[in-house]
């Protein structure tokens, strides 16, 4: 479960954000919609402990996380949060498979090879597991990024524009995979996007 209360962030005196309160329970999905500049990515980075809020509270699994130190935040994030970035970040010297397994290694978990293969098959990049990520198209890299975020069975899955580079067929596949995995592992899924195609497939929504 993830929830926020009176959450604010300030880049400068002239650039401030105040976000609506919300709660997303286990096995629940939430869509946060908003045009460019409305703070969607900022909100996601706050929930992912990549930014520190100016004010307010963030709770994950009933634990207040907004006051964690940098080191504690990094450990908590590795163990509890799966992040799908708008722009994929990989270790380019590693293969696709090794980039997936690296997530297990960094959190101290056993490498889940079969899970990685399952996600690769489900998302249509099973033939690319031995390739370097630089050899993939932008859409393929995005699907690898989605699989990587699911590797540790996170409590919270945060997705920043996960379908923006996908065609309609792959868009629906990605949404179905995210929802199914969220339900299977009992996670909370929060998607921030301007992709209007997702409005009809998420019941719970917030407009920024």
N, C-alpha and C. Protein backbone atom coordinates (compact mmCIF):
# COMPACT_ATOMS: atom_id res chain seq x y z
N UNK A 1 0.84 -1.19 0.00
CA UNK A 1 0.00 0.00 0.00
C UNK A 1 0.88 1.25 0.00
N UNK A 2 0.40 2.27 -0.73
CA UNK A 2 1.09 3.55 -0.72
C UNK A 2 0.06 4.66 -0.55
N UNK A 3 0.41 5.67 0.23
CA UNK A 3 -0.50 6.79 0.43
C UNK A 3 0.30 8.07 0.63
N UNK A 4 -0.33 9.20 0.32
CA UNK A 4 0.30 10.50 0.53
C UNK A 4 -0.68 11.42 1.28
N UNK A 5 -0.11 12.38 1.98
CA UNK A 5 -0.92 13.33 2.74
C UNK A 5 -0.23 14.70 2.74
N UNK A 6 -0.95 15.71 2.24
CA UNK A 6 -0.45 17.10 2.22
C UNK A 6 0.93 17.20 1.57
N UNK A 7 1.14 16.46 0.51
CA UNK A 7 2.47 16.36 -0.10
C UNK A 7 2.77 17.59 -0.96
N UNK A 8 3.94 18.21 -0.71
CA UNK A 8 4.36 19.37 -1.48
C UNK A 8 5.82 19.22 -1.86
N UNK A 9 6.19 19.91 -2.95
CA UNK A 9 7.58 19.94 -3.38
C UNK A 9 7.85 21.28 -4.06
N UNK A 10 9.06 21.80 -3.84
CA UNK A 10 9.41 23.11 -4.37
C UNK A 10 10.78 23.06 -5.02
N UNK A 11 10.83 23.33 -6.32
CA UNK A 11 12.11 23.43 -7.02
C UNK A 11 12.74 24.80 -6.79
N UNK A 12 11.89 25.83 -6.73
CA UNK A 12 12.32 27.20 -6.54
C UNK A 12 11.12 27.98 -6.00
N UNK A 13 11.31 29.23 -5.53
CA UNK A 13 10.16 30.01 -5.04
C UNK A 13 9.04 30.17 -6.07
N UNK A 14 9.39 30.10 -7.35
CA UNK A 14 8.38 30.28 -8.38
C UNK A 14 7.85 28.97 -8.96
N UNK A 15 8.43 27.85 -8.53
CA UNK A 15 8.00 26.55 -9.07
C UNK A 15 7.69 25.61 -7.91
N UNK A 16 6.42 25.61 -7.53
CA UNK A 16 5.96 24.80 -6.40
C UNK A 16 4.86 23.85 -6.86
N UNK A 17 4.80 22.70 -6.21
CA UNK A 17 3.74 21.74 -6.48
C UNK A 17 3.08 21.34 -5.17
N UNK A 18 1.76 21.26 -5.20
CA UNK A 18 0.99 20.70 -4.09
C UNK A 18 0.11 19.60 -4.67
N UNK A 19 0.28 18.39 -4.14
CA UNK A 19 -0.36 17.23 -4.74
C UNK A 19 -1.57 16.79 -3.92
N UNK A 20 -2.59 16.25 -4.60
CA UNK A 20 -3.77 15.76 -3.88
C UNK A 20 -3.44 14.52 -3.06
N UNK A 21 -4.12 14.36 -1.93
CA UNK A 21 -3.95 13.15 -1.12
C UNK A 21 -4.54 11.96 -1.87
N UNK A 22 -3.90 10.81 -1.71
CA UNK A 22 -4.48 9.59 -2.28
C UNK A 22 -3.94 8.38 -1.55
N UNK A 23 -4.62 7.27 -1.74
CA UNK A 23 -4.17 5.99 -1.19
C UNK A 23 -4.42 4.91 -2.24
N UNK A 24 -3.46 4.05 -2.43
CA UNK A 24 -3.57 2.93 -3.36
C UNK A 24 -3.25 1.67 -2.58
N UNK A 25 -4.26 0.85 -2.37
CA UNK A 25 -4.13 -0.33 -1.52
C UNK A 25 -3.44 -1.48 -2.26
N UNK A 26 -3.14 -2.53 -1.51
CA UNK A 26 -2.59 -3.75 -2.11
C UNK A 26 -3.56 -4.29 -3.16
N UNK A 27 -2.99 -4.73 -4.28
CA UNK A 27 -3.76 -5.26 -5.41
C UNK A 27 -4.69 -4.21 -6.04
N UNK A 28 -4.36 -2.95 -5.82
CA UNK A 28 -5.14 -1.87 -6.41
C UNK A 28 -4.27 -1.11 -7.41
N UNK A 29 -4.92 -0.55 -8.42
CA UNK A 29 -4.21 0.21 -9.43
C UNK A 29 -4.76 1.63 -9.48
N UNK A 30 -3.87 2.59 -9.78
CA UNK A 30 -4.28 3.99 -9.85
C UNK A 30 -3.59 4.66 -11.03
N UNK A 31 -4.35 5.48 -11.74
CA UNK A 31 -3.84 6.25 -12.86
C UNK A 31 -3.80 7.72 -12.47
N UNK A 32 -2.64 8.35 -12.65
CA UNK A 32 -2.49 9.78 -12.40
C UNK A 32 -2.23 10.46 -13.74
N UNK A 33 -3.20 11.26 -14.17
CA UNK A 33 -3.15 11.91 -15.47
C UNK A 33 -2.80 13.38 -15.31
N UNK A 34 -2.14 13.91 -16.30
CA UNK A 34 -1.84 15.34 -16.27
C UNK A 34 -1.01 15.74 -17.47
N UNK A 35 -1.18 16.98 -17.90
CA UNK A 35 -0.40 17.49 -19.02
C UNK A 35 1.04 17.76 -18.57
N UNK A 36 1.89 18.01 -19.54
CA UNK A 36 3.29 18.32 -19.26
C UNK A 36 3.39 19.53 -18.35
N UNK A 37 4.27 19.45 -17.34
CA UNK A 37 4.47 20.56 -16.42
C UNK A 37 3.60 20.54 -15.19
N UNK A 38 2.72 19.55 -15.09
CA UNK A 38 1.81 19.47 -13.94
C UNK A 38 2.42 18.72 -12.75
N UNK A 39 3.62 18.18 -12.92
CA UNK A 39 4.30 17.55 -11.79
C UNK A 39 4.16 16.05 -11.70
N UNK A 40 3.76 15.40 -12.79
CA UNK A 40 3.57 13.94 -12.74
C UNK A 40 4.86 13.20 -12.37
N UNK A 41 5.93 13.52 -13.08
CA UNK A 41 7.20 12.84 -12.82
C UNK A 41 7.75 13.24 -11.45
N UNK A 42 7.57 14.48 -11.05
CA UNK A 42 7.99 14.91 -9.72
C UNK A 42 7.30 14.09 -8.64
N UNK A 43 5.98 13.90 -8.79
CA UNK A 43 5.23 13.10 -7.83
C UNK A 43 5.75 11.67 -7.78
N UNK A 44 6.00 11.08 -8.94
CA UNK A 44 6.52 9.72 -8.97
C UNK A 44 7.88 9.64 -8.29
N UNK A 45 8.75 10.62 -8.53
CA UNK A 45 10.08 10.61 -7.92
C UNK A 45 10.01 10.80 -6.41
N UNK A 46 9.01 11.53 -5.94
CA UNK A 46 8.80 11.64 -4.49
C UNK A 46 8.39 10.29 -3.90
N UNK A 47 7.46 9.62 -4.55
CA UNK A 47 7.00 8.32 -4.07
C UNK A 47 8.11 7.27 -4.13
N UNK A 48 9.04 7.45 -5.06
CA UNK A 48 10.15 6.50 -5.22
C UNK A 48 11.35 6.84 -4.35
N UNK A 49 11.25 7.90 -3.52
CA UNK A 49 12.32 8.34 -2.64
C UNK A 49 13.53 8.84 -3.41
N UNK A 50 13.30 9.32 -4.63
CA UNK A 50 14.37 9.92 -5.42
C UNK A 50 14.43 11.43 -5.18
N UNK A 51 13.34 12.00 -4.67
CA UNK A 51 13.28 13.39 -4.25
C UNK A 51 12.75 13.43 -2.82
N UNK A 52 13.13 14.47 -2.09
CA UNK A 52 12.66 14.64 -0.71
C UNK A 52 11.58 15.72 -0.69
N UNK A 53 10.41 15.44 -0.15
CA UNK A 53 9.31 16.43 -0.19
C UNK A 53 9.62 17.66 0.65
N UNK A 54 9.07 18.78 0.22
CA UNK A 54 9.14 20.00 1.01
C UNK A 54 8.27 19.89 2.25
N UNK A 55 7.14 19.21 2.10
CA UNK A 55 6.24 19.00 3.22
C UNK A 55 5.32 17.82 2.96
N UNK A 56 4.66 17.36 4.00
CA UNK A 56 3.72 16.25 3.85
C UNK A 56 4.33 14.89 4.14
N UNK A 57 3.52 13.86 3.95
CA UNK A 57 3.92 12.50 4.29
C UNK A 57 3.69 11.54 3.13
N UNK A 58 4.57 10.53 3.09
CA UNK A 58 4.41 9.41 2.16
C UNK A 58 4.56 8.13 2.98
N UNK A 59 3.62 7.23 2.84
CA UNK A 59 3.70 5.95 3.55
C UNK A 59 3.65 4.80 2.55
N UNK A 60 4.51 3.84 2.77
CA UNK A 60 4.48 2.58 2.03
C UNK A 60 4.43 1.46 3.05
N UNK A 61 3.42 0.61 2.92
CA UNK A 61 3.21 -0.48 3.88
C UNK A 61 3.16 0.05 5.32
N UNK A 62 2.47 1.18 5.48
CA UNK A 62 2.27 1.82 6.79
C UNK A 62 3.56 2.32 7.42
N UNK A 63 4.61 2.46 6.62
CA UNK A 63 5.88 3.01 7.10
C UNK A 63 6.07 4.41 6.51
N UNK A 64 6.32 5.38 7.37
CA UNK A 64 6.59 6.75 6.90
C UNK A 64 7.98 6.78 6.28
N UNK A 65 8.04 7.14 4.99
CA UNK A 65 9.31 7.05 4.28
C UNK A 65 9.91 8.40 3.92
N UNK A 66 9.15 9.47 4.08
CA UNK A 66 9.62 10.77 3.61
C UNK A 66 10.80 11.32 4.43
N UNK A 67 11.04 10.77 5.62
CA UNK A 67 12.13 11.26 6.46
C UNK A 67 13.32 10.31 6.50
N UNK A 68 13.34 9.29 5.65
CA UNK A 68 14.46 8.35 5.65
C UNK A 68 15.74 9.04 5.15
N UNK A 69 16.87 8.60 5.68
CA UNK A 69 18.15 9.10 5.19
C UNK A 69 18.38 8.59 3.77
N UNK A 70 19.39 9.13 3.11
CA UNK A 70 19.67 8.74 1.73
C UNK A 70 19.97 7.24 1.65
N UNK A 71 20.80 6.75 2.56
CA UNK A 71 21.14 5.34 2.55
C UNK A 71 19.96 4.44 2.85
N UNK A 72 19.18 4.81 3.86
CA UNK A 72 18.00 4.01 4.21
C UNK A 72 16.97 4.04 3.08
N UNK A 73 16.85 5.20 2.44
CA UNK A 73 15.90 5.33 1.33
C UNK A 73 16.30 4.42 0.18
N UNK A 74 17.59 4.35 -0.12
CA UNK A 74 18.07 3.50 -1.21
C UNK A 74 17.80 2.03 -0.91
N UNK A 75 18.05 1.61 0.33
CA UNK A 75 17.79 0.21 0.70
C UNK A 75 16.29 -0.09 0.66
N UNK A 76 15.48 0.82 1.19
CA UNK A 76 14.04 0.60 1.20
C UNK A 76 13.50 0.53 -0.23
N UNK A 77 13.99 1.39 -1.10
CA UNK A 77 13.56 1.41 -2.49
C UNK A 77 13.91 0.10 -3.19
N UNK A 78 15.13 -0.39 -2.98
CA UNK A 78 15.57 -1.62 -3.64
C UNK A 78 14.72 -2.81 -3.24
N UNK A 79 14.26 -2.82 -2.00
CA UNK A 79 13.52 -3.96 -1.47
C UNK A 79 12.01 -3.87 -1.67
N UNK A 80 11.49 -2.66 -1.87
CA UNK A 80 10.04 -2.49 -1.84
C UNK A 80 9.41 -1.80 -3.05
N UNK A 81 10.20 -1.13 -3.87
CA UNK A 81 9.65 -0.31 -4.95
C UNK A 81 10.22 -0.73 -6.30
N UNK A 82 9.34 -0.95 -7.26
CA UNK A 82 9.75 -1.19 -8.64
C UNK A 82 9.43 0.04 -9.46
N UNK A 83 10.43 0.60 -10.15
CA UNK A 83 10.26 1.85 -10.87
C UNK A 83 10.42 1.62 -12.37
N UNK A 84 9.45 2.10 -13.12
CA UNK A 84 9.53 2.08 -14.58
C UNK A 84 9.71 3.53 -15.02
N UNK A 85 10.92 3.86 -15.42
CA UNK A 85 11.23 5.24 -15.79
C UNK A 85 10.72 5.55 -17.20
N UNK A 86 10.46 6.84 -17.45
CA UNK A 86 10.06 7.26 -18.78
C UNK A 86 11.17 6.99 -19.78
N UNK A 87 12.41 7.24 -19.37
CA UNK A 87 13.57 6.94 -20.19
C UNK A 87 14.36 5.83 -19.52
N UNK A 88 14.51 4.73 -20.22
CA UNK A 88 15.14 3.55 -19.62
C UNK A 88 16.60 3.82 -19.26
N UNK A 89 17.05 3.29 -18.13
CA UNK A 89 18.44 3.39 -17.68
C UNK A 89 18.98 1.97 -17.50
N UNK A 90 19.99 1.63 -18.29
CA UNK A 90 20.56 0.29 -18.23
C UNK A 90 22.08 0.36 -18.06
N UNK A 91 22.67 -0.77 -17.68
CA UNK A 91 24.12 -0.94 -17.73
C UNK A 91 24.42 -1.47 -19.12
N UNK A 92 24.95 -0.61 -19.98
CA UNK A 92 25.04 -0.96 -21.40
C UNK A 92 26.05 -2.05 -21.70
N UNK A 93 26.97 -2.29 -20.78
CA UNK A 93 27.96 -3.35 -21.01
C UNK A 93 27.38 -4.74 -20.74
N UNK A 94 26.20 -4.80 -20.12
CA UNK A 94 25.56 -6.07 -19.79
C UNK A 94 24.50 -6.43 -20.82
N UNK A 95 24.20 -7.72 -20.90
CA UNK A 95 23.11 -8.19 -21.77
C UNK A 95 21.77 -7.82 -21.17
N UNK A 96 20.72 -7.99 -21.96
CA UNK A 96 19.37 -7.75 -21.46
C UNK A 96 19.09 -8.63 -20.25
N UNK A 97 19.41 -9.92 -20.35
CA UNK A 97 19.19 -10.84 -19.23
C UNK A 97 19.94 -10.39 -17.99
N UNK A 98 21.20 -10.00 -18.14
CA UNK A 98 21.98 -9.59 -16.98
C UNK A 98 21.47 -8.30 -16.37
N UNK A 99 20.92 -7.41 -17.18
CA UNK A 99 20.30 -6.20 -16.64
C UNK A 99 19.09 -6.55 -15.78
N UNK A 100 18.35 -7.56 -16.18
CA UNK A 100 17.20 -8.00 -15.37
C UNK A 100 17.67 -8.63 -14.06
N UNK A 101 18.67 -9.49 -14.15
CA UNK A 101 19.15 -10.20 -12.96
C UNK A 101 19.91 -9.28 -12.01
N UNK A 102 20.43 -8.18 -12.52
CA UNK A 102 21.16 -7.23 -11.69
C UNK A 102 20.29 -6.68 -10.57
N UNK A 103 18.99 -6.55 -10.84
CA UNK A 103 18.05 -6.05 -9.83
C UNK A 103 18.01 -6.99 -8.63
N UNK A 104 17.98 -8.31 -8.90
CA UNK A 104 18.01 -9.28 -7.81
C UNK A 104 19.31 -9.16 -7.01
N UNK A 105 20.41 -9.04 -7.71
CA UNK A 105 21.72 -8.97 -7.06
C UNK A 105 21.82 -7.75 -6.14
N UNK A 106 21.37 -6.60 -6.63
CA UNK A 106 21.51 -5.36 -5.86
C UNK A 106 20.65 -5.34 -4.60
N UNK A 107 19.58 -6.12 -4.59
CA UNK A 107 18.72 -6.18 -3.40
C UNK A 107 19.02 -7.40 -2.54
N UNK A 108 20.05 -8.14 -2.90
CA UNK A 108 20.45 -9.29 -2.10
C UNK A 108 19.57 -10.51 -2.25
N UNK A 109 18.87 -10.60 -3.38
CA UNK A 109 17.98 -11.73 -3.61
C UNK A 109 18.59 -12.71 -4.61
N UNK A 110 18.07 -13.92 -4.59
CA UNK A 110 18.52 -14.94 -5.53
C UNK A 110 18.13 -14.55 -6.95
N UNK A 111 19.05 -14.80 -7.89
CA UNK A 111 18.78 -14.44 -9.27
C UNK A 111 17.65 -15.31 -9.85
N UNK A 112 16.61 -14.65 -10.32
CA UNK A 112 15.39 -15.33 -10.77
C UNK A 112 15.39 -15.44 -12.29
N UNK A 113 16.16 -16.41 -12.80
CA UNK A 113 16.34 -16.56 -14.24
C UNK A 113 15.02 -16.91 -14.93
N UNK A 114 14.27 -17.84 -14.35
CA UNK A 114 13.02 -18.26 -14.97
C UNK A 114 11.99 -17.13 -14.99
N UNK A 115 11.99 -16.33 -13.95
CA UNK A 115 11.07 -15.19 -13.93
C UNK A 115 11.44 -14.21 -15.04
N UNK A 116 12.73 -13.96 -15.21
CA UNK A 116 13.18 -13.06 -16.27
C UNK A 116 12.74 -13.59 -17.64
N UNK A 117 12.86 -14.88 -17.84
CA UNK A 117 12.44 -15.47 -19.12
C UNK A 117 10.92 -15.37 -19.31
N UNK A 118 10.19 -15.55 -18.22
CA UNK A 118 8.73 -15.43 -18.28
C UNK A 118 8.32 -14.02 -18.70
N UNK A 119 8.91 -13.01 -18.09
CA UNK A 119 8.58 -11.63 -18.45
C UNK A 119 8.99 -11.32 -19.88
N UNK A 120 10.14 -11.84 -20.29
CA UNK A 120 10.61 -11.61 -21.66
C UNK A 120 9.64 -12.21 -22.67
N UNK A 121 9.13 -13.39 -22.36
CA UNK A 121 8.16 -14.04 -23.25
C UNK A 121 6.85 -13.25 -23.26
N UNK A 122 6.40 -12.85 -22.09
CA UNK A 122 5.12 -12.13 -21.99
C UNK A 122 5.17 -10.78 -22.71
N UNK A 123 6.33 -10.14 -22.67
CA UNK A 123 6.46 -8.80 -23.25
C UNK A 123 7.08 -8.78 -24.64
N UNK A 124 7.38 -9.97 -25.17
CA UNK A 124 7.79 -10.05 -26.56
C UNK A 124 9.23 -9.69 -26.86
N UNK A 125 10.15 -9.91 -25.88
CA UNK A 125 11.56 -9.69 -26.19
C UNK A 125 12.42 -10.90 -25.84
N UNK A 126 11.81 -12.08 -25.84
CA UNK A 126 12.53 -13.30 -25.47
C UNK A 126 13.70 -13.60 -26.40
N UNK A 127 13.61 -13.15 -27.65
CA UNK A 127 14.69 -13.40 -28.62
C UNK A 127 15.86 -12.43 -28.44
N UNK A 128 15.72 -11.48 -27.52
CA UNK A 128 16.75 -10.45 -27.37
C UNK A 128 17.51 -10.54 -26.05
N UNK A 129 17.32 -11.60 -25.29
CA UNK A 129 17.91 -11.68 -23.95
C UNK A 129 19.43 -11.65 -23.96
N UNK A 130 20.06 -12.14 -25.02
CA UNK A 130 21.52 -12.16 -25.08
C UNK A 130 22.10 -10.88 -25.69
N UNK A 131 21.25 -10.02 -26.19
CA UNK A 131 21.71 -8.78 -26.82
C UNK A 131 22.05 -7.73 -25.77
N UNK A 132 22.82 -6.74 -26.17
CA UNK A 132 23.03 -5.56 -25.35
C UNK A 132 21.79 -4.66 -25.48
N UNK A 133 21.49 -3.91 -24.45
CA UNK A 133 20.30 -3.07 -24.49
C UNK A 133 20.40 -1.99 -25.57
N UNK A 134 21.62 -1.61 -25.95
CA UNK A 134 21.79 -0.61 -27.00
C UNK A 134 21.38 -1.14 -28.37
N UNK A 135 21.22 -2.44 -28.50
CA UNK A 135 20.81 -3.04 -29.77
C UNK A 135 19.29 -3.11 -29.92
N UNK A 136 18.56 -2.67 -28.90
CA UNK A 136 17.10 -2.74 -28.91
C UNK A 136 16.49 -1.42 -29.37
N UNK A 137 15.28 -1.51 -29.90
CA UNK A 137 14.53 -0.31 -30.24
C UNK A 137 14.07 0.37 -28.96
N UNK A 138 13.58 1.60 -29.08
CA UNK A 138 13.12 2.33 -27.90
C UNK A 138 11.94 1.61 -27.24
N UNK A 139 11.04 1.09 -28.04
CA UNK A 139 9.90 0.35 -27.50
C UNK A 139 10.33 -0.92 -26.79
N UNK A 140 11.32 -1.63 -27.36
CA UNK A 140 11.83 -2.85 -26.73
C UNK A 140 12.53 -2.52 -25.42
N UNK A 141 13.29 -1.43 -25.40
CA UNK A 141 13.95 -1.03 -24.16
C UNK A 141 12.92 -0.71 -23.07
N UNK A 142 11.81 -0.11 -23.46
CA UNK A 142 10.78 0.22 -22.48
C UNK A 142 10.16 -1.04 -21.89
N UNK A 143 9.97 -2.05 -22.73
CA UNK A 143 9.41 -3.31 -22.22
C UNK A 143 10.39 -4.03 -21.30
N UNK A 144 11.68 -3.96 -21.61
CA UNK A 144 12.70 -4.52 -20.70
C UNK A 144 12.68 -3.77 -19.37
N UNK A 145 12.52 -2.46 -19.43
CA UNK A 145 12.46 -1.65 -18.21
C UNK A 145 11.27 -2.06 -17.34
N UNK A 146 10.16 -2.38 -17.96
CA UNK A 146 8.97 -2.83 -17.23
C UNK A 146 9.25 -4.17 -16.55
N UNK A 147 9.84 -5.10 -17.30
CA UNK A 147 10.17 -6.41 -16.72
C UNK A 147 11.13 -6.26 -15.54
N UNK A 148 12.12 -5.40 -15.69
CA UNK A 148 13.11 -5.19 -14.62
C UNK A 148 12.44 -4.69 -13.34
N UNK A 149 11.45 -3.82 -13.48
CA UNK A 149 10.78 -3.26 -12.30
C UNK A 149 9.99 -4.32 -11.54
N UNK A 150 9.68 -5.43 -12.19
CA UNK A 150 8.87 -6.47 -11.55
C UNK A 150 9.70 -7.60 -10.96
N UNK A 151 11.01 -7.58 -11.18
CA UNK A 151 11.85 -8.73 -10.85
C UNK A 151 11.89 -9.07 -9.36
N UNK A 152 11.73 -8.08 -8.47
CA UNK A 152 11.85 -8.34 -7.04
C UNK A 152 10.51 -8.44 -6.31
N UNK A 153 9.43 -8.63 -7.07
CA UNK A 153 8.10 -8.67 -6.44
C UNK A 153 7.89 -7.48 -5.49
N UNK A 154 7.98 -6.26 -6.02
CA UNK A 154 7.91 -5.08 -5.16
C UNK A 154 6.54 -4.89 -4.52
N UNK A 155 6.52 -4.19 -3.40
CA UNK A 155 5.25 -3.84 -2.76
C UNK A 155 4.51 -2.76 -3.53
N UNK A 156 5.29 -1.87 -4.16
CA UNK A 156 4.73 -0.76 -4.93
C UNK A 156 5.42 -0.71 -6.28
N UNK A 157 4.62 -0.60 -7.33
CA UNK A 157 5.14 -0.44 -8.69
C UNK A 157 4.78 0.96 -9.17
N UNK A 158 5.79 1.74 -9.54
CA UNK A 158 5.60 3.11 -10.00
C UNK A 158 6.02 3.18 -11.46
N UNK A 159 5.10 3.62 -12.31
CA UNK A 159 5.37 3.65 -13.75
C UNK A 159 5.20 5.05 -14.31
N UNK A 160 6.26 5.56 -14.93
CA UNK A 160 6.26 6.89 -15.52
C UNK A 160 6.14 6.75 -17.03
N UNK A 161 4.97 7.02 -17.57
CA UNK A 161 4.70 6.95 -19.01
C UNK A 161 5.11 5.58 -19.58
N UNK A 162 4.62 4.46 -19.02
CA UNK A 162 5.10 3.15 -19.47
C UNK A 162 4.64 2.75 -20.86
N UNK A 163 3.66 3.45 -21.42
CA UNK A 163 3.12 3.07 -22.73
C UNK A 163 3.35 4.12 -23.80
N UNK A 164 4.10 5.16 -23.49
CA UNK A 164 4.19 6.30 -24.41
C UNK A 164 4.84 5.96 -25.74
N UNK A 165 5.75 4.96 -25.75
CA UNK A 165 6.44 4.59 -26.98
C UNK A 165 5.91 3.30 -27.61
N UNK A 166 4.73 2.87 -27.16
CA UNK A 166 4.19 1.59 -27.62
C UNK A 166 2.98 1.78 -28.51
N UNK A 167 2.84 0.86 -29.49
CA UNK A 167 1.64 0.88 -30.31
C UNK A 167 0.46 0.35 -29.50
N UNK A 168 -0.73 0.38 -30.08
CA UNK A 168 -1.94 0.03 -29.32
C UNK A 168 -1.90 -1.40 -28.79
N UNK A 169 -1.42 -2.35 -29.61
CA UNK A 169 -1.40 -3.76 -29.18
C UNK A 169 -0.46 -3.94 -27.99
N UNK A 170 0.75 -3.41 -28.11
CA UNK A 170 1.71 -3.56 -27.03
C UNK A 170 1.32 -2.74 -25.80
N UNK A 171 0.61 -1.64 -26.02
CA UNK A 171 0.11 -0.83 -24.91
C UNK A 171 -0.81 -1.67 -24.03
N UNK A 172 -1.73 -2.39 -24.65
CA UNK A 172 -2.67 -3.23 -23.89
C UNK A 172 -1.95 -4.40 -23.23
N UNK A 173 -0.96 -4.97 -23.91
CA UNK A 173 -0.19 -6.07 -23.32
C UNK A 173 0.53 -5.61 -22.06
N UNK A 174 1.12 -4.43 -22.13
CA UNK A 174 1.87 -3.90 -20.99
C UNK A 174 0.93 -3.63 -19.82
N UNK A 175 -0.21 -3.00 -20.10
CA UNK A 175 -1.17 -2.71 -19.03
C UNK A 175 -1.68 -4.00 -18.40
N UNK A 176 -1.98 -5.00 -19.22
CA UNK A 176 -2.46 -6.28 -18.69
C UNK A 176 -1.40 -6.94 -17.83
N UNK A 177 -0.14 -6.91 -18.29
CA UNK A 177 0.94 -7.53 -17.51
C UNK A 177 1.12 -6.82 -16.17
N UNK A 178 1.10 -5.49 -16.20
CA UNK A 178 1.27 -4.73 -14.96
C UNK A 178 0.13 -5.02 -13.99
N UNK A 179 -1.09 -5.04 -14.49
CA UNK A 179 -2.23 -5.30 -13.62
C UNK A 179 -2.20 -6.73 -13.07
N UNK A 180 -1.91 -7.69 -13.92
CA UNK A 180 -1.87 -9.09 -13.48
C UNK A 180 -0.78 -9.31 -12.45
N UNK A 181 0.40 -8.73 -12.69
CA UNK A 181 1.50 -8.90 -11.76
C UNK A 181 1.20 -8.20 -10.43
N UNK A 182 0.59 -7.03 -10.52
CA UNK A 182 0.20 -6.31 -9.31
C UNK A 182 -0.72 -7.16 -8.44
N UNK A 183 -1.69 -7.80 -9.08
CA UNK A 183 -2.62 -8.65 -8.34
C UNK A 183 -1.94 -9.90 -7.81
N UNK A 184 -1.05 -10.49 -8.62
CA UNK A 184 -0.40 -11.75 -8.24
C UNK A 184 0.49 -11.59 -7.02
N UNK A 185 1.24 -10.48 -6.94
CA UNK A 185 2.18 -10.32 -5.83
C UNK A 185 1.63 -9.42 -4.72
N UNK A 186 0.39 -8.95 -4.90
CA UNK A 186 -0.23 -8.13 -3.87
C UNK A 186 0.35 -6.74 -3.76
N UNK A 187 0.81 -6.20 -4.89
CA UNK A 187 1.42 -4.88 -4.90
C UNK A 187 0.39 -3.78 -5.17
N UNK A 188 0.84 -2.55 -5.05
CA UNK A 188 0.06 -1.38 -5.46
C UNK A 188 0.70 -0.84 -6.73
N UNK A 189 -0.11 -0.50 -7.73
CA UNK A 189 0.39 0.02 -9.00
C UNK A 189 -0.07 1.46 -9.19
N UNK A 190 0.89 2.35 -9.39
CA UNK A 190 0.57 3.76 -9.67
C UNK A 190 1.23 4.12 -11.00
N UNK A 191 0.41 4.53 -11.96
CA UNK A 191 0.88 4.92 -13.28
C UNK A 191 0.67 6.41 -13.47
N UNK A 192 1.72 7.14 -13.82
CA UNK A 192 1.57 8.56 -14.16
C UNK A 192 1.79 8.71 -15.66
N UNK A 193 0.90 9.43 -16.33
CA UNK A 193 0.96 9.49 -17.79
C UNK A 193 0.11 10.62 -18.34
N UNK A 194 0.36 10.94 -19.60
CA UNK A 194 -0.57 11.78 -20.36
C UNK A 194 -1.23 10.96 -21.46
N UNK A 195 -0.97 9.65 -21.49
CA UNK A 195 -1.51 8.75 -22.52
C UNK A 195 -3.01 8.54 -22.28
N UNK A 196 -3.82 9.19 -23.09
CA UNK A 196 -5.26 9.14 -22.91
C UNK A 196 -5.85 7.76 -23.19
N UNK A 197 -5.08 6.88 -23.84
CA UNK A 197 -5.57 5.52 -24.09
C UNK A 197 -5.82 4.75 -22.79
N UNK A 198 -5.15 5.17 -21.70
CA UNK A 198 -5.26 4.43 -20.45
C UNK A 198 -6.47 4.83 -19.61
N UNK A 199 -7.15 5.88 -20.00
CA UNK A 199 -8.28 6.37 -19.20
C UNK A 199 -9.38 5.31 -19.06
N UNK A 200 -9.55 4.50 -20.08
CA UNK A 200 -10.64 3.53 -20.09
C UNK A 200 -10.29 2.21 -19.42
N UNK A 201 -9.03 2.05 -18.99
CA UNK A 201 -8.62 0.75 -18.43
C UNK A 201 -8.19 0.85 -16.96
N UNK A 202 -8.31 2.04 -16.38
CA UNK A 202 -8.04 2.22 -14.95
C UNK A 202 -9.27 2.84 -14.29
N UNK A 203 -9.81 2.14 -13.33
CA UNK A 203 -11.02 2.63 -12.66
C UNK A 203 -10.72 3.79 -11.74
N UNK A 204 -9.61 3.70 -11.00
CA UNK A 204 -9.26 4.73 -10.02
C UNK A 204 -8.30 5.73 -10.67
N UNK A 205 -8.66 7.02 -10.69
CA UNK A 205 -7.88 8.01 -11.39
C UNK A 205 -7.80 9.31 -10.61
N UNK A 206 -6.67 10.02 -10.83
CA UNK A 206 -6.48 11.38 -10.30
C UNK A 206 -6.02 12.26 -11.45
N UNK A 207 -6.55 13.45 -11.54
CA UNK A 207 -6.14 14.42 -12.55
C UNK A 207 -5.34 15.53 -11.88
N UNK A 208 -4.10 15.73 -12.32
CA UNK A 208 -3.26 16.81 -11.79
C UNK A 208 -3.52 18.11 -12.57
